[in-house]
Amino acid sequence: MEYDEDGHHFQTYTADPTQIVIGISEENADVTISKREKMTDRFSEFINQVRDQ
């Protein structure tokens, strides 16, 4: 919750690059938690792979 100079309030939201996937079946339950890489990190990894070839 944030307030402006006039005393009005509003909610702010931010993106969370974390994804949680829950799979449930009769036999078991699986939980997968993943975090997205930053685009700059993905690009750097791509360039490094191209150089190594």
PDB file of N, CA and C in Angstrom:
ATOM      1  N   MET A   1       0.856  -1.168   0.000  1.00  0.00           N
ATOM      2  CA  MET A   1       0.000   0.000   0.000  1.00  0.00           C
ATOM      3  C   MET A   1       0.902   1.231   0.000  1.00  0.00           C
ATOM      4  N   GLU A   2       0.606   2.137  -0.902  1.00  0.00           N
ATOM      5  CA  GLU A   2       1.350   3.386  -0.952  1.00  0.00           C
ATOM      6  C   GLU A   2       0.385   4.567  -0.867  1.00  0.00           C
ATOM      7  N   TYR A   3       0.882   5.672  -0.390  1.00  0.00           N
ATOM      8  CA  TYR A   3       0.063   6.870  -0.245  1.00  0.00           C
ATOM      9  C   TYR A   3       0.686   8.000  -1.052  1.00  0.00           C
ATOM     10  N   ASP A   4      -0.169   8.817  -1.701  1.00  0.00           N
ATOM     11  CA  ASP A   4       0.365   9.973  -2.413  1.00  0.00           C
ATOM     12  C   ASP A   4       0.301  11.193  -1.507  1.00  0.00           C
ATOM     13  N   GLU A   5       0.722  12.342  -2.015  1.00  0.00           N
ATOM     14  CA  GLU A   5       0.795  13.566  -1.198  1.00  0.00           C
ATOM     15  C   GLU A   5      -0.569  14.016  -0.700  1.00  0.00           C
ATOM     16  N   ASP A   6      -1.650  13.680  -1.422  1.00  0.00           N
ATOM     17  CA  ASP A   6      -2.998  14.085  -1.022  1.00  0.00           C
ATOM     18  C   ASP A   6      -3.638  13.119  -0.027  1.00  0.00           C
ATOM     19  N   GLY A   7      -2.914  12.058   0.328  1.00  0.00           N
ATOM     20  CA  GLY A   7      -3.441  11.090   1.278  1.00  0.00           C
ATOM     21  C   GLY A   7      -4.185   9.934   0.634  1.00  0.00           C
ATOM     22  N   HIS A   8      -4.292   9.938  -0.691  1.00  0.00           N
ATOM     23  CA  HIS A   8      -4.923   8.804  -1.376  1.00  0.00           C
ATOM     24  C   HIS A   8      -3.987   7.606  -1.312  1.00  0.00           C
ATOM     25  N   HIS A   9      -4.573   6.449  -1.293  1.00  0.00           N
ATOM     26  CA  HIS A   9      -3.754   5.243  -1.222  1.00  0.00           C
ATOM     27  C   HIS A   9      -4.022   4.345  -2.430  1.00  0.00           C
ATOM     28  N   PHE A  10      -3.036   3.573  -2.775  1.00  0.00           N
ATOM     29  CA  PHE A  10      -3.154   2.643  -3.886  1.00  0.00           C
ATOM     30  C   PHE A  10      -2.201   1.482  -3.662  1.00  0.00           C
ATOM     31  N   GLN A  11      -2.507   0.380  -4.311  1.00  0.00           N
ATOM     32  CA  GLN A  11      -1.670  -0.809  -4.172  1.00  0.00           C
ATOM     33  C   GLN A  11      -0.706  -0.884  -5.348  1.00  0.00           C
ATOM     34  N   THR A  12       0.479  -1.361  -5.070  1.00  0.00           N
ATOM     35  CA  THR A  12       1.453  -1.568  -6.131  1.00  0.00           C
ATOM     36  C   THR A  12       1.803  -3.050  -6.188  1.00  0.00           C
ATOM     37  N   TYR A  13       2.126  -3.517  -7.381  1.00  0.00           N
ATOM     38  CA  TYR A  13       2.469  -4.916  -7.586  1.00  0.00           C
ATOM     39  C   TYR A  13       3.788  -4.988  -8.341  1.00  0.00           C
ATOM     40  N   THR A  14       4.551  -6.018  -8.069  1.00  0.00           N
ATOM     41  CA  THR A  14       5.787  -6.244  -8.798  1.00  0.00           C
ATOM     42  C   THR A  14       5.783  -7.663  -9.342  1.00  0.00           C
ATOM     43  N   ALA A  15       6.501  -7.845 -10.428  1.00  0.00           N
ATOM     44  CA  ALA A  15       6.595  -9.173 -11.019  1.00  0.00           C
ATOM     45  C   ALA A  15       7.631  -9.996 -10.265  1.00  0.00           C
ATOM     46  N   ASP A  16       7.302 -11.254 -10.055  1.00  0.00           N
ATOM     47  CA  ASP A  16       8.216 -12.182  -9.413  1.00  0.00           C
ATOM     48  C   ASP A  16       8.555 -13.259 -10.429  1.00  0.00           C
ATOM     49  N   PRO A  17       9.801 -13.346 -10.840  1.00  0.00           N
ATOM     50  CA  PRO A  17      10.141 -14.309 -11.885  1.00  0.00           C
ATOM     51  C   PRO A  17      10.271 -15.751 -11.395  1.00  0.00           C
ATOM     52  N   THR A  18       9.630 -16.069 -10.298  1.00  0.00           N
ATOM     53  CA  THR A  18       9.671 -17.429  -9.776  1.00  0.00           C
ATOM     54  C   THR A  18       8.394 -18.150 -10.167  1.00  0.00           C
ATOM     55  N   GLN A  19       8.527 -19.395 -10.590  1.00  0.00           N
ATOM     56  CA  GLN A  19       7.376 -20.196 -10.974  1.00  0.00           C
ATOM     57  C   GLN A  19       7.348 -21.439 -10.106  1.00  0.00           C
ATOM     58  N   ILE A  20       6.190 -21.725  -9.535  1.00  0.00           N
ATOM     59  CA  ILE A  20       6.011 -22.920  -8.728  1.00  0.00           C
ATOM     60  C   ILE A  20       4.947 -23.783  -9.410  1.00  0.00           C
ATOM     61  N   VAL A  21       5.307 -25.018  -9.718  1.00  0.00           N
ATOM     62  CA  VAL A  21       4.387 -25.946 -10.369  1.00  0.00           C
ATOM     63  C   VAL A  21       4.177 -27.126  -9.433  1.00  0.00           C
ATOM     64  N   ILE A  22       2.918 -27.438  -9.159  1.00  0.00           N
ATOM     65  CA  ILE A  22       2.581 -28.552  -8.284  1.00  0.00           C
ATOM     66  C   ILE A  22       1.773 -29.559  -9.100  1.00  0.00           C
ATOM     67  N   GLY A  23       2.268 -30.797  -9.145  1.00  0.00           N
ATOM     68  CA  GLY A  23       1.563 -31.866  -9.834  1.00  0.00           C
ATOM     69  C   GLY A  23       1.127 -32.913  -8.833  1.00  0.00           C
ATOM     70  N   ILE A  24      -0.155 -33.244  -8.848  1.00  0.00           N
ATOM     71  CA  ILE A  24      -0.694 -34.211  -7.887  1.00  0.00           C
ATOM     72  C   ILE A  24      -1.388 -35.334  -8.660  1.00  0.00           C
ATOM     73  N   SER A  25      -1.030 -36.550  -8.329  1.00  0.00           N
ATOM     74  CA  SER A  25      -1.688 -37.720  -8.904  1.00  0.00           C
ATOM     75  C   SER A  25      -2.024 -38.672  -7.767  1.00  0.00           C
ATOM     76  N   GLU A  26      -2.642 -39.767  -8.108  1.00  0.00           N
ATOM     77  CA  GLU A  26      -2.982 -40.735  -7.070  1.00  0.00           C
ATOM     78  C   GLU A  26      -1.737 -41.362  -6.448  1.00  0.00           C
ATOM     79  N   GLU A  27      -0.665 -41.460  -7.236  1.00  0.00           N
ATOM     80  CA  GLU A  27       0.553 -42.103  -6.757  1.00  0.00           C
ATOM     81  C   GLU A  27       1.487 -41.175  -5.987  1.00  0.00           C
ATOM     82  N   ASN A  28       1.583 -39.913  -6.419  1.00  0.00           N
ATOM     83  CA  ASN A  28       2.543 -39.011  -5.772  1.00  0.00           C
ATOM     84  C   ASN A  28       2.195 -37.550  -6.009  1.00  0.00           C
ATOM     85  N   ALA A  29       2.999 -36.701  -5.413  1.00  0.00           N
ATOM     86  CA  ALA A  29       2.881 -35.249  -5.606  1.00  0.00           C
ATOM     87  C   ALA A  29       4.272 -34.721  -5.935  1.00  0.00           C
ATOM     88  N   ASP A  30       4.375 -33.909  -6.962  1.00  0.00           N
ATOM     89  CA  ASP A  30       5.640 -33.318  -7.377  1.00  0.00           C
ATOM     90  C   ASP A  30       5.561 -31.808  -7.268  1.00  0.00           C
ATOM     91  N   VAL A  31       6.633 -31.206  -6.802  1.00  0.00           N
ATOM     92  CA  VAL A  31       6.728 -29.754  -6.732  1.00  0.00           C
ATOM     93  C   VAL A  31       7.987 -29.338  -7.464  1.00  0.00           C
ATOM     94  N   THR A  32       7.844 -28.413  -8.393  1.00  0.00           N
ATOM     95  CA  THR A  32       8.979 -27.876  -9.126  1.00  0.00           C
ATOM     96  C   THR A  32       9.008 -26.369  -8.929  1.00  0.00           C
ATOM     97  N   ILE A  33      10.156 -25.866  -8.492  1.00  0.00           N
ATOM     98  CA  ILE A  33      10.330 -24.426  -8.311  1.00  0.00           C
ATOM     99  C   ILE A  33      11.444 -23.985  -9.245  1.00  0.00           C
ATOM    100  N   SER A  34      11.149 -22.998 -10.089  1.00  0.00           N
ATOM    101  CA  SER A  34      12.171 -22.503 -11.012  1.00  0.00           C
ATOM    102  C   SER A  34      12.173 -20.981 -11.005  1.00  0.00           C
ATOM    103  N   LYS A  35      13.318 -20.454 -11.280  1.00  0.00           N
ATOM    104  CA  LYS A  35      13.468 -19.004 -11.317  1.00  0.00           C
ATOM    105  C   LYS A  35      14.007 -18.637 -12.689  1.00  0.00           C
ATOM    106  N   ARG A  36      13.373 -17.680 -13.332  1.00  0.00           N
ATOM    107  CA  ARG A  36      13.810 -17.256 -14.659  1.00  0.00           C
ATOM    108  C   ARG A  36      15.146 -16.548 -14.573  1.00  0.00           C
ATOM    109  N   GLU A  37      15.957 -16.818 -15.565  1.00  0.00           N
ATOM    110  CA  GLU A  37      17.224 -16.110 -15.649  1.00  0.00           C
ATOM    111  C   GLU A  37      16.989 -14.740 -16.274  1.00  0.00           C
ATOM    112  N   LYS A  38      17.834 -13.797 -15.934  1.00  0.00           N
ATOM    113  CA  LYS A  38      17.753 -12.493 -16.570  1.00  0.00           C
ATOM    114  C   LYS A  38      18.132 -12.633 -18.033  1.00  0.00           C
ATOM    115  N   MET A  39      17.535 -11.817 -18.884  1.00  0.00           N
ATOM    116  CA  MET A  39      17.822 -11.887 -20.308  1.00  0.00           C
ATOM    117  C   MET A  39      19.307 -11.681 -20.583  1.00  0.00           C
ATOM    118  N   THR A  40      19.954 -10.800 -19.844  1.00  0.00           N
ATOM    119  CA  THR A  40      21.385 -10.569 -20.070  1.00  0.00           C
ATOM    120  C   THR A  40      22.194 -11.816 -19.748  1.00  0.00           C
ATOM    121  N   ASP A  41      21.808 -12.548 -18.707  1.00  0.00           N
ATOM    122  CA  ASP A  41      22.499 -13.788 -18.361  1.00  0.00           C
ATOM    123  C   ASP A  41      22.287 -14.848 -19.440  1.00  0.00           C
ATOM    124  N   ARG A  42      21.079 -14.942 -19.957  1.00  0.00           N
ATOM    125  CA  ARG A  42      20.794 -15.911 -21.016  1.00  0.00           C
ATOM    126  C   ARG A  42      21.587 -15.576 -22.278  1.00  0.00           C
ATOM    127  N   PHE A  43      21.674 -14.292 -22.610  1.00  0.00           N
ATOM    128  CA  PHE A  43      22.417 -13.881 -23.798  1.00  0.00           C
ATOM    129  C   PHE A  43      23.905 -14.188 -23.631  1.00  0.00           C
ATOM    130  N   SER A  44      24.460 -13.891 -22.474  1.00  0.00           N
ATOM    131  CA  SER A  44      25.870 -14.173 -22.210  1.00  0.00           C
ATOM    132  C   SER A  44      26.153 -15.670 -22.317  1.00  0.00           C
ATOM    133  N   GLU A  45      25.266 -16.484 -21.796  1.00  0.00           N
ATOM    134  CA  GLU A  45      25.436 -17.938 -21.883  1.00  0.00           C
ATOM    135  C   GLU A  45      25.405 -18.388 -23.346  1.00  0.00           C
ATOM    136  N   PHE A  46      24.493 -17.820 -24.127  1.00  0.00           N
ATOM    137  CA  PHE A  46      24.409 -18.152 -25.551  1.00  0.00           C
ATOM    138  C   PHE A  46      25.709 -17.797 -26.262  1.00  0.00           C
ATOM    139  N   ILE A  47      26.251 -16.605 -26.022  1.00  0.00           N
ATOM    140  CA  ILE A  47      27.489 -16.166 -26.667  1.00  0.00           C
ATOM    141  C   ILE A  47      28.635 -17.094 -26.278  1.00  0.00           C
ATOM    142  N   ASN A  48      28.715 -17.472 -25.024  1.00  0.00           N
ATOM    143  CA  ASN A  48      29.772 -18.387 -24.574  1.00  0.00           C
ATOM    144  C   ASN A  48      29.671 -19.742 -25.268  1.00  0.00           C
ATOM    145  N   GLN A  49      28.467 -20.232 -25.460  1.00  0.00           N
ATOM    146  CA  GLN A  49      28.294 -21.516 -26.149  1.00  0.00           C
ATOM    147  C   GLN A  49      28.708 -21.408 -27.612  1.00  0.00           C
ATOM    148  N   VAL A  50      28.377 -20.298 -28.254  1.00  0.00           N
ATOM    149  CA  VAL A  50      28.751 -20.115 -29.665  1.00  0.00           C
ATOM    150  C   VAL A  50      30.269 -20.047 -29.806  1.00  0.00           C
ATOM    151  N   ARG A  51      30.921 -19.365 -28.904  1.00  0.00           N
ATOM    152  CA  ARG A  51      32.389 -19.240 -28.934  1.00  0.00           C
ATOM    153  C   ARG A  51      33.065 -20.605 -28.766  1.00  0.00           C
ATOM    154  N   ASP A  52      32.488 -21.446 -27.924  1.00  0.00           N
ATOM    155  CA  ASP A  52      33.094 -22.751 -27.627  1.00  0.00           C
ATOM    156  C   ASP A  52      32.984 -23.735 -28.789  1.00  0.00           C
ATOM    157  N   GLN A  53      32.137 -23.455 -29.757  1.00  0.00           N
ATOM    158  CA  GLN A  53      31.952 -24.404 -30.874  1.00  0.00           C
ATOM    159  C   GLN A  53      32.976 -24.247 -31.946  1.00  0.00           C
TER     160      GLN A  53
END
